[in-house]
N, C-alpha and C. Protein backbone atom coordinates (compact mmCIF):
# COMPACT_ATOMS: atom_id res chain seq x y z
N UNK A 1 104.00 122.01 117.04
CA UNK A 1 105.02 122.96 117.07
C UNK A 1 106.25 122.41 117.90
N UNK A 2 107.44 122.64 117.45
CA UNK A 2 108.65 122.05 118.19
C UNK A 2 109.28 123.30 118.92
N UNK A 3 109.73 122.96 120.13
CA UNK A 3 110.39 123.97 120.87
C UNK A 3 112.00 123.81 120.68
N UNK A 4 112.69 124.89 120.74
CA UNK A 4 114.16 124.85 120.69
C UNK A 4 114.70 125.65 121.88
N UNK A 5 115.93 125.35 122.17
CA UNK A 5 116.62 126.04 123.20
C UNK A 5 117.87 126.82 122.48
N UNK A 6 118.01 127.97 122.80
CA UNK A 6 119.06 128.82 122.19
C UNK A 6 119.95 129.52 123.25
N UNK A 7 121.20 129.33 123.09
CA UNK A 7 122.10 130.04 124.03
C UNK A 7 122.64 131.31 123.36
N UNK A 8 122.34 132.49 123.97
CA UNK A 8 122.80 133.78 123.49
C UNK A 8 123.40 134.63 124.64
N UNK A 9 124.26 135.51 124.32
CA UNK A 9 124.67 136.34 125.40
C UNK A 9 123.64 137.24 126.06
N UNK A 10 123.79 137.41 127.33
CA UNK A 10 122.90 138.12 128.19
C UNK A 10 122.50 139.44 127.54
N UNK A 11 123.45 140.17 127.16
CA UNK A 11 123.32 141.52 126.56
C UNK A 11 122.48 141.46 125.38
N UNK A 12 122.62 140.43 124.46
CA UNK A 12 121.81 140.30 123.32
C UNK A 12 120.32 139.94 123.68
N UNK A 13 120.23 139.18 124.69
CA UNK A 13 118.82 138.93 125.12
C UNK A 13 118.05 140.17 125.54
N UNK A 14 118.87 140.83 126.45
CA UNK A 14 118.22 142.15 126.90
C UNK A 14 117.87 143.03 125.75
N UNK A 15 118.73 143.15 124.80
CA UNK A 15 118.36 144.01 123.57
C UNK A 15 117.12 143.37 122.87
N UNK A 16 117.08 142.14 122.61
CA UNK A 16 115.96 141.56 122.06
C UNK A 16 114.69 141.86 122.82
N UNK A 17 114.71 141.75 124.05
CA UNK A 17 113.60 141.90 124.96
C UNK A 17 113.05 143.36 124.81
N UNK A 18 114.07 144.24 124.84
CA UNK A 18 113.78 145.80 124.66
C UNK A 18 113.07 145.96 123.35
N UNK A 19 113.63 145.37 122.34
CA UNK A 19 113.10 145.46 121.02
C UNK A 19 111.66 144.94 120.84
N UNK A 20 111.38 143.77 121.39
CA UNK A 20 110.08 143.24 121.32
C UNK A 20 109.18 144.06 122.11
N UNK A 21 109.57 144.62 123.21
CA UNK A 21 108.61 145.43 123.92
C UNK A 21 108.34 146.90 123.20
N UNK A 22 109.39 147.36 122.51
CA UNK A 22 109.09 148.57 121.85
C UNK A 22 108.08 148.29 120.53
N UNK A 23 108.08 147.08 120.08
CA UNK A 23 107.31 146.69 118.88
C UNK A 23 105.93 146.16 119.35
N UNK A 24 105.75 146.02 120.71
CA UNK A 24 104.46 145.51 121.20
C UNK A 24 104.24 144.05 120.94
N UNK A 25 105.34 143.22 120.89
CA UNK A 25 105.16 141.87 120.65
C UNK A 25 106.00 141.03 121.68
N UNK A 26 105.73 139.82 121.79
CA UNK A 26 106.43 138.99 122.85
C UNK A 26 107.93 138.76 122.20
N UNK A 27 108.82 138.27 123.01
CA UNK A 27 110.11 137.94 122.51
C UNK A 27 109.87 136.74 121.54
N UNK A 28 109.00 135.77 122.01
CA UNK A 28 108.83 134.58 121.05
C UNK A 28 108.26 135.07 119.67
N UNK A 29 107.44 136.02 119.57
CA UNK A 29 106.83 136.39 118.26
C UNK A 29 107.88 137.16 117.51
N UNK A 30 108.81 137.95 118.27
CA UNK A 30 109.87 138.69 117.53
C UNK A 30 110.88 137.75 116.87
N UNK A 31 111.09 136.65 117.60
CA UNK A 31 112.15 135.69 117.11
C UNK A 31 111.45 134.93 115.95
N UNK A 32 110.21 134.55 116.12
CA UNK A 32 109.49 133.75 115.00
C UNK A 32 109.35 134.66 113.71
N UNK A 33 109.00 135.94 113.92
CA UNK A 33 108.82 136.77 112.80
C UNK A 33 110.31 137.14 112.01
N UNK A 34 111.29 137.18 112.86
CA UNK A 34 112.66 137.39 112.28
C UNK A 34 113.08 136.12 111.49
N UNK A 35 112.73 134.92 111.99
CA UNK A 35 113.17 133.70 111.39
C UNK A 35 112.34 133.61 110.02
N UNK A 36 111.03 134.02 110.22
CA UNK A 36 110.16 133.97 108.88
C UNK A 36 110.80 135.01 107.83
N UNK A 37 111.10 136.04 108.29
CA UNK A 37 111.68 137.01 107.32
C UNK A 37 112.98 136.56 106.76
N UNK A 38 113.86 135.90 107.52
CA UNK A 38 115.06 135.36 106.97
C UNK A 38 114.73 134.27 105.91
N UNK A 39 113.87 133.41 106.23
CA UNK A 39 113.43 132.39 105.34
C UNK A 39 112.75 132.72 104.12
N UNK A 40 112.14 133.99 104.10
CA UNK A 40 111.54 134.54 102.87
C UNK A 40 112.51 135.11 101.98
N UNK A 41 113.63 135.50 102.43
CA UNK A 41 114.76 136.11 101.53
C UNK A 41 115.41 135.25 100.60
N UNK A 42 115.77 135.59 99.40
CA UNK A 42 116.48 134.63 98.60
C UNK A 42 117.74 134.29 99.21
N UNK A 43 118.25 133.12 98.84
CA UNK A 43 119.46 132.56 99.54
C UNK A 43 120.69 133.52 99.30
N UNK A 44 120.79 133.99 98.03
CA UNK A 44 121.91 134.87 97.76
C UNK A 44 121.94 136.22 98.58
N UNK A 45 120.78 136.71 98.90
CA UNK A 45 120.72 137.85 99.77
C UNK A 45 121.22 137.59 101.22
N UNK A 46 120.87 136.34 101.69
CA UNK A 46 121.25 135.86 103.04
C UNK A 46 122.77 135.71 103.03
N UNK A 47 123.29 135.08 102.00
CA UNK A 47 124.69 134.90 101.78
C UNK A 47 125.51 136.27 101.86
N UNK A 48 124.91 137.13 101.07
CA UNK A 48 125.49 138.57 101.06
C UNK A 48 125.57 139.15 102.38
N UNK A 49 124.44 139.01 103.17
CA UNK A 49 124.45 139.70 104.45
C UNK A 49 125.38 138.95 105.40
N UNK A 50 125.46 137.69 105.35
CA UNK A 50 126.43 136.95 106.25
C UNK A 50 127.81 137.38 105.91
N UNK A 51 128.15 137.43 104.64
CA UNK A 51 129.49 137.76 104.16
C UNK A 51 129.87 139.21 104.71
N UNK A 52 128.86 140.13 104.53
CA UNK A 52 129.16 141.39 104.92
C UNK A 52 129.38 141.56 106.36
N UNK A 53 128.71 140.82 107.26
CA UNK A 53 128.97 140.98 108.68
C UNK A 53 130.15 140.27 109.02
N UNK A 54 130.57 139.22 108.36
CA UNK A 54 131.81 138.50 108.67
C UNK A 54 133.02 139.34 108.37
N UNK A 55 132.89 140.10 107.10
CA UNK A 55 133.92 141.08 106.74
C UNK A 55 134.00 142.23 107.71
N UNK A 56 132.84 142.68 108.14
CA UNK A 56 132.82 143.88 109.11
C UNK A 56 133.52 143.44 110.50
N UNK A 57 133.35 142.16 110.97
CA UNK A 57 133.96 141.68 112.11
C UNK A 57 135.52 141.78 111.93
N UNK A 58 136.00 141.19 110.76
CA UNK A 58 137.43 141.08 110.50
C UNK A 58 137.94 142.51 110.39
N UNK A 59 137.29 143.45 109.74
CA UNK A 59 137.71 144.91 109.82
C UNK A 59 137.89 145.44 111.10
N UNK A 60 136.85 145.20 111.99
CA UNK A 60 136.88 145.81 113.30
C UNK A 60 138.14 145.13 114.12
N UNK A 61 138.33 143.85 114.01
CA UNK A 61 139.48 143.18 114.55
C UNK A 61 140.79 143.87 114.22
N UNK A 62 140.96 143.91 112.95
CA UNK A 62 142.14 144.48 112.30
C UNK A 62 142.32 145.99 112.78
N UNK A 63 141.31 146.83 112.87
CA UNK A 63 141.30 148.12 113.28
C UNK A 63 141.79 148.23 114.74
N UNK A 64 141.14 147.45 115.57
CA UNK A 64 141.52 147.36 117.08
C UNK A 64 143.03 146.77 117.21
N UNK A 65 143.45 145.93 116.34
CA UNK A 65 144.80 145.48 116.49
C UNK A 65 145.77 146.52 116.09
N UNK A 66 145.40 147.38 115.23
CA UNK A 66 146.41 148.47 114.74
C UNK A 66 146.29 149.58 115.76
N UNK A 67 145.08 149.81 116.33
CA UNK A 67 144.86 150.95 117.24
C UNK A 67 144.22 150.57 118.45
N UNK A 68 144.78 149.78 119.43
CA UNK A 68 144.12 149.34 120.50
C UNK A 68 143.54 150.39 121.34
N UNK A 69 142.37 149.99 121.98
CA UNK A 69 141.74 150.97 122.92
C UNK A 69 142.77 151.24 124.11
N UNK A 70 142.81 152.60 124.33
CA UNK A 70 143.69 153.07 125.37
C UNK A 70 142.90 153.17 126.66
N UNK A 71 143.60 152.92 127.83
CA UNK A 71 142.86 153.01 129.09
C UNK A 71 142.28 154.35 129.21
N UNK A 72 140.98 154.41 129.64
CA UNK A 72 140.19 155.52 129.81
C UNK A 72 139.65 156.05 128.62
N UNK A 73 139.85 155.50 127.46
CA UNK A 73 139.42 156.01 126.18
C UNK A 73 137.85 156.14 126.14
N UNK A 74 137.21 155.13 126.65
CA UNK A 74 135.75 155.17 126.54
C UNK A 74 135.07 155.42 127.82
N UNK A 75 135.77 155.87 128.88
CA UNK A 75 135.33 155.92 130.24
C UNK A 75 134.21 157.02 130.18
N UNK A 76 134.28 157.95 129.36
CA UNK A 76 133.24 159.09 129.32
C UNK A 76 131.84 158.51 128.95
N UNK A 77 131.88 157.37 128.37
CA UNK A 77 130.53 156.80 127.88
C UNK A 77 129.94 155.89 129.01
N UNK A 78 130.68 155.55 130.01
CA UNK A 78 130.14 154.56 130.90
C UNK A 78 128.79 154.80 131.39
N UNK A 79 128.53 156.16 131.78
CA UNK A 79 127.17 156.39 132.40
C UNK A 79 126.14 156.37 131.24
N UNK A 80 126.49 156.58 129.99
CA UNK A 80 125.56 156.57 128.76
C UNK A 80 125.09 155.07 128.60
N UNK A 81 125.92 154.14 128.94
CA UNK A 81 125.67 152.60 128.64
C UNK A 81 124.74 152.03 129.70
N UNK A 82 124.51 152.73 130.75
CA UNK A 82 123.64 152.29 131.91
C UNK A 82 122.21 152.45 131.64
N UNK A 83 121.46 151.42 131.41
CA UNK A 83 119.86 151.56 131.22
C UNK A 83 119.20 151.54 132.55
N UNK A 84 118.27 152.40 132.67
CA UNK A 84 117.49 152.55 133.68
C UNK A 84 116.39 151.40 133.77
N UNK A 85 116.12 150.84 134.96
CA UNK A 85 114.99 149.81 134.85
C UNK A 85 113.68 150.55 134.75
N UNK A 86 112.70 149.95 134.01
CA UNK A 86 111.52 150.52 133.65
C UNK A 86 110.48 149.95 134.62
């Protein structure tokens, strides 16, 4: 088996670790299973999914350009975004 190194944002790693824990698998198992699932899918489905997420990103960017976040707009959620250590 070959090892690879992957750079991802810390927040994404934290979310992956939490998901692996909730599923009762290691982080490595979760990544392997996810890759296997991606490779099982027909290429056209993968292309559709990639296109969808790219379009969604563009739509979000356009929306925020038209309606920028206002100072304090999301402050009410700051406590909700803090995860307690388990």
